[in-house]
Amino acid sequence: MERPELPLAQLHAFVVLAEELHFGHAAARLGIAQPPLSQQIRRLEDKVGHALFTREPGRVALTAAGRELLPAARRALTDLADGLAAARAVGSGRAGHLRIGFAASLALTVLPGLLRAFRGRFPDVRLDIREMTTAPQIAALRDKSIDVGLLREPPADDASDEAELAFRTVLTEPFVAVLPSAHPLAALRTVRLARLADEPFVLLPRETGPRLHDQITGLCAAAGFTPWVAQRAVEWQTVCALVETGLGVSLAPASIRRIRLKGVAFRTVEPNARTRVAVGWRKDDLSPLVAHLLATVSRDPDSAR
């Protein structure tokens, strides 16, 4: 079935005249002269094939065909207005869908404040928050299944295989030793890394965050030992739970202290070292939503702490 072409100007003129039932008043409301209004109505009637108004001296009324068309004309104009408003909102980044990957430990530090600040400015943006470790986030950014990543120890800026990605540091935080609360070293305020040389370790698998893993093992190497990895766990909460059972010790970002486990102690380590938290995105992504999130990170660096 062929769809009729109905110019919006004609539909608008029809609806206004149907509401005013007076050519002069309708023309004034439309901001046009009366003859062009009459021409618009005539053209619409020609497309419909029937008169839409009866015209008598001093009286204009809708015909049966006009009464039938009016609700549909109003819906068409309303739908178009709504569609234009929605398109403008999405185009400006005031609405739409933003997919954010985040490392689980950042729910303890960066994520809550950042999301509060962003939602405060853009309440109509639908957020899809996905918990992912660093390596899967890098892959998801590259295959465009997420728009922004919040991760630890991103690839080096000059990593050739990540040339299409950009990273910006959000914050840095120190490492802490994660110990069973009954461990003798838990009685100290600060633990020298060399004193962990003979301890079994609970660490993240390297493939989930290569640079963070290598930073931790590098700190141990600088202290004169290679950590003996007795257990591995993907999430820091699991690492802490395994430490609590006495299966080993660990080194972790300081924000992990917010995981409250009765049998776990967190202690400052020497020498001091810090881990980097960054936001990542595709360099060629021109989405205003991504730009707004990056601006929120820049504008509210303390909101993510």
C-alpha atoms as a PDB file:
ATOM      1  CA  MET A   1       0.000   0.000   0.000  1.00  0.00           C
ATOM      2  CA  GLU A   2       1.457   3.334  -1.034  1.00  0.00           C
ATOM      3  CA  ARG A   3       1.796   5.834   1.789  1.00  0.00           C
ATOM      4  CA  PRO A   4       0.468   9.333   1.065  1.00  0.00           C
ATOM      5  CA  GLU A   5       2.904  12.215   1.256  1.00  0.00           C
ATOM      6  CA  LEU A   6       1.466  14.681   3.726  1.00  0.00           C
ATOM      7  CA  PRO A   7       3.641  17.766   4.286  1.00  0.00           C
ATOM      8  CA  LEU A   8       3.862  18.670   7.940  1.00  0.00           C
ATOM      9  CA  ALA A   9       2.968  22.273   7.188  1.00  0.00           C
ATOM     10  CA  GLN A  10      -0.382  21.111   5.840  1.00  0.00           C
ATOM     11  CA  LEU A  11      -1.052  18.890   8.852  1.00  0.00           C
ATOM     12  CA  HIS A  12      -0.100  21.712  11.199  1.00  0.00           C
ATOM     13  CA  ALA A  13      -2.379  24.140   9.387  1.00  0.00           C
ATOM     14  CA  PHE A  14      -5.198  21.592   9.495  1.00  0.00           C
ATOM     15  CA  VAL A  15      -4.866  21.001  13.252  1.00  0.00           C
ATOM     16  CA  VAL A  16      -4.727  24.731  14.047  1.00  0.00           C
ATOM     17  CA  LEU A  17      -7.789  25.445  11.905  1.00  0.00           C
ATOM     18  CA  ALA A  18      -9.617  22.495  13.471  1.00  0.00           C
ATOM     19  CA  GLU A  19      -8.938  24.027  16.903  1.00  0.00           C
ATOM     20  CA  GLU A  20      -9.803  27.596  15.959  1.00  0.00           C
ATOM     21  CA  LEU A  21     -12.617  26.910  13.423  1.00  0.00           C
ATOM     22  CA  HIS A  22     -11.926  30.374  12.053  1.00  0.00           C
ATOM     23  CA  PHE A  23      -9.609  31.067   9.109  1.00  0.00           C
ATOM     24  CA  GLY A  24      -8.567  34.495  10.340  1.00  0.00           C
ATOM     25  CA  HIS A  25      -7.760  33.326  13.856  1.00  0.00           C
ATOM     26  CA  ALA A  26      -5.933  30.249  12.588  1.00  0.00           C
ATOM     27  CA  ALA A  27      -3.884  32.316  10.120  1.00  0.00           C
ATOM     28  CA  ALA A  28      -2.903  34.735  12.870  1.00  0.00           C
ATOM     29  CA  ARG A  29      -1.878  31.871  15.146  1.00  0.00           C
ATOM     30  CA  LEU A  30       0.229  30.371  12.357  1.00  0.00           C
ATOM     31  CA  GLY A  31       1.775  33.729  11.520  1.00  0.00           C
ATOM     32  CA  ILE A  32       0.689  33.628   7.862  1.00  0.00           C
ATOM     33  CA  ALA A  33      -1.917  35.389   5.757  1.00  0.00           C
ATOM     34  CA  GLN A  34      -5.329  33.827   5.269  1.00  0.00           C
ATOM     35  CA  PRO A  35      -4.929  32.963   1.519  1.00  0.00           C
ATOM     36  CA  PRO A  36      -1.839  30.738   2.078  1.00  0.00           C
ATOM     37  CA  LEU A  37      -3.729  28.974   4.893  1.00  0.00           C
ATOM     38  CA  SER A  38      -6.651  28.307   2.566  1.00  0.00           C
ATOM     39  CA  GLN A  39      -4.222  26.944  -0.046  1.00  0.00           C
ATOM     40  CA  GLN A  40      -2.636  24.574   2.493  1.00  0.00           C
ATOM     41  CA  ILE A  41      -6.044  23.222   3.479  1.00  0.00           C
ATOM     42  CA  ARG A  42      -7.086  22.833  -0.182  1.00  0.00           C
ATOM     43  CA  ARG A  43      -3.934  20.852  -0.972  1.00  0.00           C
ATOM     44  CA  LEU A  44      -4.509  18.572   2.002  1.00  0.00           C
ATOM     45  CA  GLU A  45      -8.110  18.018   1.004  1.00  0.00           C
ATOM     46  CA  ASP A  46      -6.934  17.132  -2.505  1.00  0.00           C
ATOM     47  CA  LYS A  47      -4.646  14.443  -1.047  1.00  0.00           C
ATOM     48  CA  VAL A  48      -7.392  13.085   1.205  1.00  0.00           C
ATOM     49  CA  GLY A  49      -9.933  13.215  -1.619  1.00  0.00           C
ATOM     50  CA  HIS A  50     -12.642  14.711   0.567  1.00  0.00           C
ATOM     51  CA  ALA A  51     -13.474  18.039   2.151  1.00  0.00           C
ATOM     52  CA  LEU A  52     -12.185  18.377   5.708  1.00  0.00           C
ATOM     53  CA  PHE A  53     -14.190  21.489   6.595  1.00  0.00           C
ATOM     54  CA  THR A  54     -17.555  22.923   5.729  1.00  0.00           C
ATOM     55  CA  ARG A  55     -17.332  26.578   4.937  1.00  0.00           C
ATOM     56  CA  GLU A  56     -20.332  28.798   5.450  1.00  0.00           C
ATOM     57  CA  PRO A  57     -20.498  32.556   6.037  1.00  0.00           C
ATOM     58  CA  GLY A  58     -19.367  33.138   9.609  1.00  0.00           C
ATOM     59  CA  ARG A  59     -19.020  29.415  10.319  1.00  0.00           C
ATOM     60  CA  VAL A  60     -16.349  26.744   9.776  1.00  0.00           C
ATOM     61  CA  ALA A  61     -16.883  23.153  10.938  1.00  0.00           C
ATOM     62  CA  LEU A  62     -15.102  19.826  10.580  1.00  0.00           C
ATOM     63  CA  THR A  63     -16.629  17.286   8.244  1.00  0.00           C
ATOM     64  CA  ALA A  64     -16.775  13.594   9.148  1.00  0.00           C
ATOM     65  CA  ALA A  65     -13.520  13.103   7.210  1.00  0.00           C
ATOM     66  CA  GLY A  66     -11.931  15.994   9.110  1.00  0.00           C
ATOM     67  CA  ARG A  67     -12.994  14.585  12.465  1.00  0.00           C
ATOM     68  CA  GLU A  68     -11.475  11.234  11.502  1.00  0.00           C
ATOM     69  CA  LEU A  69      -8.163  12.780  10.412  1.00  0.00           C
ATOM     70  CA  LEU A  70      -7.702  15.108  13.393  1.00  0.00           C
ATOM     71  CA  PRO A  71      -6.507  12.557  16.037  1.00  0.00           C
ATOM     72  CA  ALA A  72      -4.038  11.021  13.575  1.00  0.00           C
ATOM     73  CA  ALA A  73      -2.732  14.449  12.565  1.00  0.00           C
ATOM     74  CA  ARG A  74      -2.223  15.408  16.195  1.00  0.00           C
ATOM     75  CA  ARG A  75      -0.394  12.132  16.892  1.00  0.00           C
ATOM     76  CA  ALA A  76       1.860  12.633  13.867  1.00  0.00           C
ATOM     77  CA  LEU A  77       2.815  16.143  14.968  1.00  0.00           C
ATOM     78  CA  THR A  78       3.336  15.049  18.578  1.00  0.00           C
ATOM     79  CA  ASP A  79       5.424  12.037  17.534  1.00  0.00           C
ATOM     80  CA  LEU A  80       7.584  14.227  15.330  1.00  0.00           C
ATOM     81  CA  ALA A  81       8.062  16.803  18.090  1.00  0.00           C
ATOM     82  CA  ASP A  82       8.975  14.044  20.542  1.00  0.00           C
ATOM     83  CA  GLY A  83      11.343  12.467  18.026  1.00  0.00           C
ATOM     84  CA  LEU A  84      13.064  15.762  17.328  1.00  0.00           C
ATOM     85  CA  ALA A  85      13.454  16.438  21.061  1.00  0.00           C
ATOM     86  CA  ALA A  86      14.870  12.949  21.632  1.00  0.00           C
ATOM     87  CA  ALA A  87      17.265  13.283  18.693  1.00  0.00           C
ATOM     88  CA  ARG A  88      18.500  16.641  19.960  1.00  0.00           C
ATOM     89  CA  ALA A  89      18.965  15.239  23.471  1.00  0.00           C
ATOM     90  CA  VAL A  90      20.975  12.270  22.186  1.00  0.00           C
ATOM     91  CA  GLY A  91      22.927  14.410  19.741  1.00  0.00           C
ATOM     92  CA  SER A  92      23.940  16.808  22.508  1.00  0.00           C
ATOM     93  CA  GLY A  93      24.744  14.003  24.963  1.00  0.00           C
ATOM     94  CA  ARG A  94      21.910  14.900  27.355  1.00  0.00           C
ATOM     95  CA  ALA A  95      20.358  11.459  26.761  1.00  0.00           C
ATOM     96  CA  GLY A  96      21.359   8.139  25.267  1.00  0.00           C
ATOM     97  CA  HIS A  97      23.124   4.947  26.349  1.00  0.00           C
ATOM     98  CA  LEU A  98      26.643   4.842  27.796  1.00  0.00           C
ATOM     99  CA  ARG A  99      28.425   1.527  28.465  1.00  0.00           C
ATOM    100  CA  ILE A 100      31.082   1.672  31.190  1.00  0.00           C
ATOM    101  CA  GLY A 101      33.458  -1.104  32.164  1.00  0.00           C
ATOM    102  CA  PHE A 102      35.028  -1.009  35.620  1.00  0.00           C
ATOM    103  CA  ALA A 103      37.444  -3.017  37.699  1.00  0.00           C
ATOM    104  CA  ALA A 104      35.666  -4.408  40.753  1.00  0.00           C
ATOM    105  CA  SER A 105      38.000  -2.723  43.234  1.00  0.00           C
ATOM    106  CA  LEU A 106      37.054   0.677  41.801  1.00  0.00           C
ATOM    107  CA  ALA A 107      33.579   0.253  43.261  1.00  0.00           C
ATOM    108  CA  LEU A 108      35.418   1.008  46.510  1.00  0.00           C
ATOM    109  CA  THR A 109      36.937   4.261  45.274  1.00  0.00           C
ATOM    110  CA  VAL A 110      36.401   5.810  41.807  1.00  0.00           C
ATOM    111  CA  LEU A 111      33.065   4.507  40.620  1.00  0.00           C
ATOM    112  CA  PRO A 112      30.459   5.750  43.146  1.00  0.00           C
ATOM    113  CA  GLY A 113      31.558   9.392  43.163  1.00  0.00           C
ATOM    114  CA  LEU A 114      32.036   9.525  39.411  1.00  0.00           C
ATOM    115  CA  LEU A 115      28.604   8.081  38.706  1.00  0.00           C
ATOM    116  CA  ARG A 116      26.932  10.412  41.221  1.00  0.00           C
ATOM    117  CA  ALA A 117      28.557  13.442  39.596  1.00  0.00           C
ATOM    118  CA  PHE A 118      27.696  12.274  36.065  1.00  0.00           C
ATOM    119  CA  ARG A 119      24.084  11.379  36.856  1.00  0.00           C
ATOM    120  CA  GLY A 120      23.655  14.699  38.623  1.00  0.00           C
ATOM    121  CA  ARG A 121      24.453  16.475  35.345  1.00  0.00           C
ATOM    122  CA  PHE A 122      22.889  14.011  32.898  1.00  0.00           C
ATOM    123  CA  PRO A 123      20.003  12.216  34.635  1.00  0.00           C
ATOM    124  CA  ASP A 124      18.440  11.084  31.345  1.00  0.00           C
ATOM    125  CA  VAL A 125      21.483   9.113  30.170  1.00  0.00           C
ATOM    126  CA  ARG A 126      21.011   5.357  30.584  1.00  0.00           C
ATOM    127  CA  LEU A 127      24.144   3.795  32.089  1.00  0.00           C
ATOM    128  CA  ASP A 128      25.168   0.187  31.475  1.00  0.00           C
ATOM    129  CA  ILE A 129      27.792  -0.632  34.134  1.00  0.00           C
ATOM    130  CA  ARG A 130      29.837  -3.780  33.521  1.00  0.00           C
ATOM    131  CA  GLU A 131      32.287  -5.299  36.018  1.00  0.00           C
ATOM    132  CA  MET A 132      35.430  -6.347  34.140  1.00  0.00           C
ATOM    133  CA  THR A 133      39.113  -6.746  34.930  1.00  0.00           C
ATOM    134  CA  THR A 134      41.667  -4.666  33.039  1.00  0.00           C
ATOM    135  CA  ALA A 135      42.557  -6.972  30.133  1.00  0.00           C
ATOM    136  CA  PRO A 136      38.919  -7.696  29.198  1.00  0.00           C
ATOM    137  CA  GLN A 137      38.200  -3.960  29.357  1.00  0.00           C
ATOM    138  CA  ILE A 138      40.974  -3.263  26.852  1.00  0.00           C
ATOM    139  CA  ALA A 139      39.503  -5.909  24.540  1.00  0.00           C
ATOM    140  CA  ALA A 140      35.976  -4.538  25.022  1.00  0.00           C
ATOM    141  CA  LEU A 141      37.099  -1.013  24.175  1.00  0.00           C
ATOM    142  CA  ARG A 142      38.777  -2.247  21.020  1.00  0.00           C
ATOM    143  CA  ASP A 143      35.767  -4.281  19.840  1.00  0.00           C
ATOM    144  CA  LYS A 144      33.393  -1.427  20.810  1.00  0.00           C
ATOM    145  CA  SER A 145      31.330  -3.429  23.282  1.00  0.00           C
ATOM    146  CA  ILE A 146      31.979  -0.740  25.926  1.00  0.00           C
ATOM    147  CA  ASP A 147      32.436   2.999  25.463  1.00  0.00           C
ATOM    148  CA  VAL A 148      34.584   3.850  28.494  1.00  0.00           C
ATOM    149  CA  GLY A 149      36.725   1.797  30.843  1.00  0.00           C
ATOM    150  CA  LEU A 150      37.798   2.446  34.441  1.00  0.00           C
ATOM    151  CA  LEU A 151      40.812   0.288  35.105  1.00  0.00           C
ATOM    152  CA  ARG A 152      44.096  -0.185  36.923  1.00  0.00           C
ATOM    153  CA  GLU A 153      47.496   0.101  35.316  1.00  0.00           C
ATOM    154  CA  PRO A 154      46.477   0.569  31.666  1.00  0.00           C
ATOM    155  CA  PRO A 155      48.911  -0.229  28.842  1.00  0.00           C
ATOM    156  CA  ALA A 156      51.854   2.087  28.350  1.00  0.00           C
ATOM    157  CA  ASP A 157      51.088   5.189  26.299  1.00  0.00           C
ATOM    158  CA  ASP A 158      53.405   4.006  23.531  1.00  0.00           C
ATOM    159  CA  ALA A 159      51.997   0.455  23.324  1.00  0.00           C
ATOM    160  CA  SER A 160      51.643  -0.008  19.557  1.00  0.00           C
ATOM    161  CA  ASP A 161      48.794  -2.512  19.759  1.00  0.00           C
ATOM    162  CA  GLU A 162      46.702  -0.028  21.779  1.00  0.00           C
ATOM    163  CA  ALA A 163      47.355   2.959  19.528  1.00  0.00           C
ATOM    164  CA  GLU A 164      43.636   3.480  18.963  1.00  0.00           C
ATOM    165  CA  LEU A 165      42.972   3.840  22.710  1.00  0.00           C
ATOM    166  CA  ALA A 166      43.618   6.769  25.033  1.00  0.00           C
ATOM    167  CA  PHE A 167      44.006   6.737  28.820  1.00  0.00           C
ATOM    168  CA  ARG A 168      43.869   9.467  31.421  1.00  0.00           C
ATOM    169  CA  THR A 169      44.932   9.023  35.042  1.00  0.00           C
ATOM    170  CA  VAL A 170      42.098   9.507  37.521  1.00  0.00           C
ATOM    171  CA  LEU A 171      44.091   8.929  40.704  1.00  0.00           C
ATOM    172  CA  THR A 172      46.970   6.970  42.186  1.00  0.00           C
ATOM    173  CA  GLU A 173      46.971   5.088  45.459  1.00  0.00           C
ATOM    174  CA  PRO A 174      49.594   3.247  47.524  1.00  0.00           C
ATOM    175  CA  PHE A 175      49.903  -0.500  47.970  1.00  0.00           C
ATOM    176  CA  VAL A 176      49.218  -2.231  51.276  1.00  0.00           C
ATOM    177  CA  ALA A 177      50.168  -5.634  52.614  1.00  0.00           C
ATOM    178  CA  VAL A 178      47.147  -7.915  53.101  1.00  0.00           C
ATOM    179  CA  LEU A 179      47.761 -10.259  56.037  1.00  0.00           C
ATOM    180  CA  PRO A 180      45.806 -12.702  58.197  1.00  0.00           C
ATOM    181  CA  SER A 181      45.017 -10.747  61.361  1.00  0.00           C
ATOM    182  CA  ALA A 182      46.810 -13.405  63.438  1.00  0.00           C
ATOM    183  CA  HIS A 183      50.007 -13.104  61.382  1.00  0.00           C
ATOM    184  CA  PRO A 184      53.014 -11.814  63.395  1.00  0.00           C
ATOM    185  CA  LEU A 185      53.592  -8.998  60.891  1.00  0.00           C
ATOM    186  CA  ALA A 186      50.051  -7.733  61.513  1.00  0.00           C
ATOM    187  CA  ALA A 187      51.329  -6.378  64.842  1.00  0.00           C
ATOM    188  CA  LEU A 188      53.445  -3.840  62.936  1.00  0.00           C
ATOM    189  CA  ARG A 189      52.190  -0.513  61.544  1.00  0.00           C
ATOM    190  CA  THR A 190      54.501  -0.745  58.514  1.00  0.00           C
ATOM    191  CA  VAL A 191      55.831  -3.898  56.866  1.00  0.00           C
ATOM    192  CA  ARG A 192      59.023  -3.971  54.824  1.00  0.00           C
ATOM    193  CA  LEU A 193      58.428  -5.943  51.631  1.00  0.00           C
ATOM    194  CA  ALA A 194      61.533  -8.054  52.166  1.00  0.00           C
ATOM    195  CA  ARG A 195      59.847  -9.579  55.244  1.00  0.00           C
ATOM    196  CA  LEU A 196      57.267 -11.202  52.949  1.00  0.00           C
ATOM    197  CA  ALA A 197      59.934 -13.153  51.047  1.00  0.00           C
ATOM    198  CA  ASP A 198      59.125 -16.503  52.679  1.00  0.00           C
ATOM    199  CA  GLU A 199      55.353 -16.094  52.632  1.00  0.00           C
ATOM    200  CA  PRO A 200      52.952 -17.794  50.200  1.00  0.00           C
ATOM    201  CA  PHE A 201      51.111 -15.191  48.084  1.00  0.00           C
ATOM    202  CA  VAL A 202      47.564 -14.876  46.835  1.00  0.00           C
ATOM    203  CA  LEU A 203      47.654 -12.904  43.569  1.00  0.00           C
ATOM    204  CA  LEU A 204      45.489 -12.014  40.595  1.00  0.00           C
ATOM    205  CA  PRO A 205      46.143 -14.046  37.418  1.00  0.00           C
ATOM    206  CA  ARG A 206      48.475 -12.102  35.163  1.00  0.00           C
ATOM    207  CA  GLU A 207      46.111 -12.321  32.186  1.00  0.00           C
ATOM    208  CA  THR A 208      43.425 -10.302  33.998  1.00  0.00           C
ATOM    209  CA  GLY A 209      45.719  -7.278  34.519  1.00  0.00           C
ATOM    210  CA  PRO A 210      49.242  -7.763  33.184  1.00  0.00           C
ATOM    211  CA  ARG A 211      50.727  -4.403  34.198  1.00  0.00           C
ATOM    212  CA  LEU A 212      49.324  -4.496  37.745  1.00  0.00           C
ATOM    213  CA  HIS A 213      50.493  -8.071  38.177  1.00  0.00           C
ATOM    214  CA  ASP A 214      53.942  -7.167  36.887  1.00  0.00           C
ATOM    215  CA  GLN A 215      54.074  -4.110  39.130  1.00  0.00           C
ATOM    216  CA  ILE A 216      53.421  -6.264  42.199  1.00  0.00           C
ATOM    217  CA  THR A 217      55.964  -8.915  41.250  1.00  0.00           C
ATOM    218  CA  GLY A 218      58.389  -6.128  40.313  1.00  0.00           C
ATOM    219  CA  LEU A 219      58.080  -4.630  43.796  1.00  0.00           C
ATOM    220  CA  CYS A 220      58.879  -8.029  45.250  1.00  0.00           C
ATOM    221  CA  ALA A 221      61.867  -8.415  42.910  1.00  0.00           C
ATOM    222  CA  ALA A 222      63.156  -5.004  43.994  1.00  0.00           C
ATOM    223  CA  ALA A 223      62.913  -6.234  47.597  1.00  0.00           C
ATOM    224  CA  GLY A 224      65.078  -9.230  46.703  1.00  0.00           C
ATOM    225  CA  PHE A 225      62.641 -12.093  46.153  1.00  0.00           C
ATOM    226  CA  THR A 226      60.235 -13.713  43.697  1.00  0.00           C
ATOM    227  CA  PRO A 227      56.823 -14.255  45.282  1.00  0.00           C
ATOM    228  CA  TRP A 228      55.724 -17.856  45.688  1.00  0.00           C
ATOM    229  CA  VAL A 229      52.139 -17.795  44.395  1.00  0.00           C
ATOM    230  CA  ALA A 230      50.124 -20.359  46.332  1.00  0.00           C
ATOM    231  CA  GLN A 231      46.661 -19.240  45.161  1.00  0.00           C
ATOM    232  CA  ARG A 232      45.197 -17.035  42.457  1.00  0.00           C
ATOM    233  CA  ALA A 233      41.864 -15.172  42.446  1.00  0.00           C
ATOM    234  CA  VAL A 234      40.308 -12.823  39.912  1.00  0.00           C
ATOM    235  CA  GLU A 235      38.652 -10.402  42.359  1.00  0.00           C
ATOM    236  CA  TRP A 236      40.246  -8.571  45.272  1.00  0.00           C
ATOM    237  CA  GLN A 237      37.428  -9.571  47.617  1.00  0.00           C
ATOM    238  CA  THR A 238      38.263 -13.217  46.903  1.00  0.00           C
ATOM    239  CA  VAL A 239      41.970 -12.480  47.437  1.00  0.00           C
ATOM    240  CA  CYS A 240      41.143 -11.053  50.857  1.00  0.00           C
ATOM    241  CA  ALA A 241      38.899 -14.007  51.716  1.00  0.00           C
ATOM    242  CA  LEU A 242      41.699 -16.445  50.869  1.00  0.00           C
ATOM    243  CA  VAL A 243      44.150 -14.422  52.973  1.00  0.00           C
ATOM    244  CA  GLU A 244      41.667 -14.558  55.862  1.00  0.00           C
ATOM    245  CA  THR A 245      41.719 -18.369  55.722  1.00  0.00           C
ATOM    246  CA  GLY A 246      45.514 -18.323  56.084  1.00  0.00           C
ATOM    247  CA  LEU A 247      46.332 -19.466  52.547  1.00  0.00           C
ATOM    248  CA  GLY A 248      48.800 -16.624  52.018  1.00  0.00           C
ATOM    249  CA  VAL A 249      49.458 -12.890  52.029  1.00  0.00           C
ATOM    250  CA  SER A 250      49.074 -10.322  49.263  1.00  0.00           C
ATOM    251  CA  LEU A 251      49.909  -6.839  48.036  1.00  0.00           C
ATOM    252  CA  ALA A 252      46.899  -4.763  46.989  1.00  0.00           C
ATOM    253  CA  PRO A 253      45.816  -1.184  46.289  1.00  0.00           C
ATOM    254  CA  ALA A 254      45.037   0.684  49.503  1.00  0.00           C
ATOM    255  CA  SER A 255      41.341   1.064  48.680  1.00  0.00           C
ATOM    256  CA  ILE A 256      40.999  -2.686  49.329  1.00  0.00           C
ATOM    257  CA  ARG A 257      41.003  -1.761  53.025  1.00  0.00           C
ATOM    258  CA  ARG A 258      37.322  -0.918  52.564  1.00  0.00           C
ATOM    259  CA  ILE A 259      36.613  -4.638  52.256  1.00  0.00           C
ATOM    260  CA  ARG A 260      35.733  -5.398  55.852  1.00  0.00           C
ATOM    261  CA  LEU A 261      36.834  -8.907  56.827  1.00  0.00           C
ATOM    262  CA  LYS A 262      37.356  -9.590  60.515  1.00  0.00           C
ATOM    263  CA  GLY A 263      40.329 -11.868  59.979  1.00  0.00           C
ATOM    264  CA  VAL A 264      42.299  -9.620  57.616  1.00  0.00           C
ATOM    265  CA  ALA A 265      44.781  -6.857  58.457  1.00  0.00           C
ATOM    266  CA  PHE A 266      46.013  -4.185  56.047  1.00  0.00           C
ATOM    267  CA  ARG A 267      49.399  -2.618  56.664  1.00  0.00           C
ATOM    268  CA  THR A 268      51.448   0.117  54.987  1.00  0.00           C
ATOM    269  CA  VAL A 269      54.444  -1.239  53.096  1.00  0.00           C
ATOM    270  CA  GLU A 270      57.986   0.014  52.597  1.00  0.00           C
ATOM    271  CA  PRO A 271      59.328   0.996  50.188  1.00  0.00           C
ATOM    272  CA  ASN A 272      56.245   2.955  49.193  1.00  0.00           C
ATOM    273  CA  ALA A 273      54.827   2.469  45.685  1.00  0.00           C
ATOM    274  CA  ARG A 274      51.630   3.594  44.019  1.00  0.00           C
ATOM    275  CA  THR A 275      49.221   2.089  41.497  1.00  0.00           C
ATOM    276  CA  ARG A 276      47.509   4.100  38.792  1.00  0.00           C
ATOM    277  CA  VAL A 277      43.761   4.204  38.129  1.00  0.00           C
ATOM    278  CA  ALA A 278      42.793   5.473  34.674  1.00  0.00           C
ATOM    279  CA  VAL A 279      39.830   6.096  32.427  1.00  0.00           C
ATOM    280  CA  GLY A 280      40.167   4.710  28.894  1.00  0.00           C
ATOM    281  CA  TRP A 281      38.307   5.366  25.640  1.00  0.00           C
ATOM    282  CA  ARG A 282      38.691   5.052  21.873  1.00  0.00           C
ATOM    283  CA  LYS A 283      40.496   7.998  20.314  1.00  0.00           C
ATOM    284  CA  ASP A 284      38.121   8.053  17.338  1.00  0.00           C
ATOM    285  CA  ASP A 285      34.961   8.003  19.467  1.00  0.00           C
ATOM    286  CA  LEU A 286      33.298  11.392  18.980  1.00  0.00           C
ATOM    287  CA  SER A 287      30.277  10.556  21.137  1.00  0.00           C
ATOM    288  CA  PRO A 288      29.199  13.515  23.280  1.00  0.00           C
ATOM    289  CA  LEU A 289      28.376  11.027  26.051  1.00  0.00           C
ATOM    290  CA  VAL A 290      32.016   9.958  26.258  1.00  0.00           C
ATOM    291  CA  ALA A 291      33.102  13.595  26.162  1.00  0.00           C
ATOM    292  CA  HIS A 292      30.709  14.418  29.024  1.00  0.00           C
ATOM    293  CA  LEU A 293      32.045  11.547  31.157  1.00  0.00           C
ATOM    294  CA  LEU A 294      35.643  12.599  30.551  1.00  0.00           C
ATOM    295  CA  ALA A 295      34.711  16.181  31.420  1.00  0.00           C
ATOM    296  CA  THR A 296      33.104  14.948  34.643  1.00  0.00           C
ATOM    297  CA  VAL A 297      36.320  13.132  35.572  1.00  0.00           C
ATOM    298  CA  SER A 298      38.321  16.307  34.864  1.00  0.00           C
ATOM    299  CA  ARG A 299      35.878  18.638  36.611  1.00  0.00           C
ATOM    300  CA  ASP A 300      35.397  16.517  39.742  1.00  0.00           C
ATOM    301  CA  PRO A 301      38.669  14.711  40.447  1.00  0.00           C
ATOM    302  CA  ASP A 302      37.774  14.448  44.128  1.00  0.00           C
ATOM    303  CA  SER A 303      34.272  13.091  43.514  1.00  0.00           C
ATOM    304  CA  ALA A 304      35.770   9.743  42.561  1.00  0.00           C
ATOM    305  CA  ARG A 305      37.709   9.250  45.773  1.00  0.00           C
END
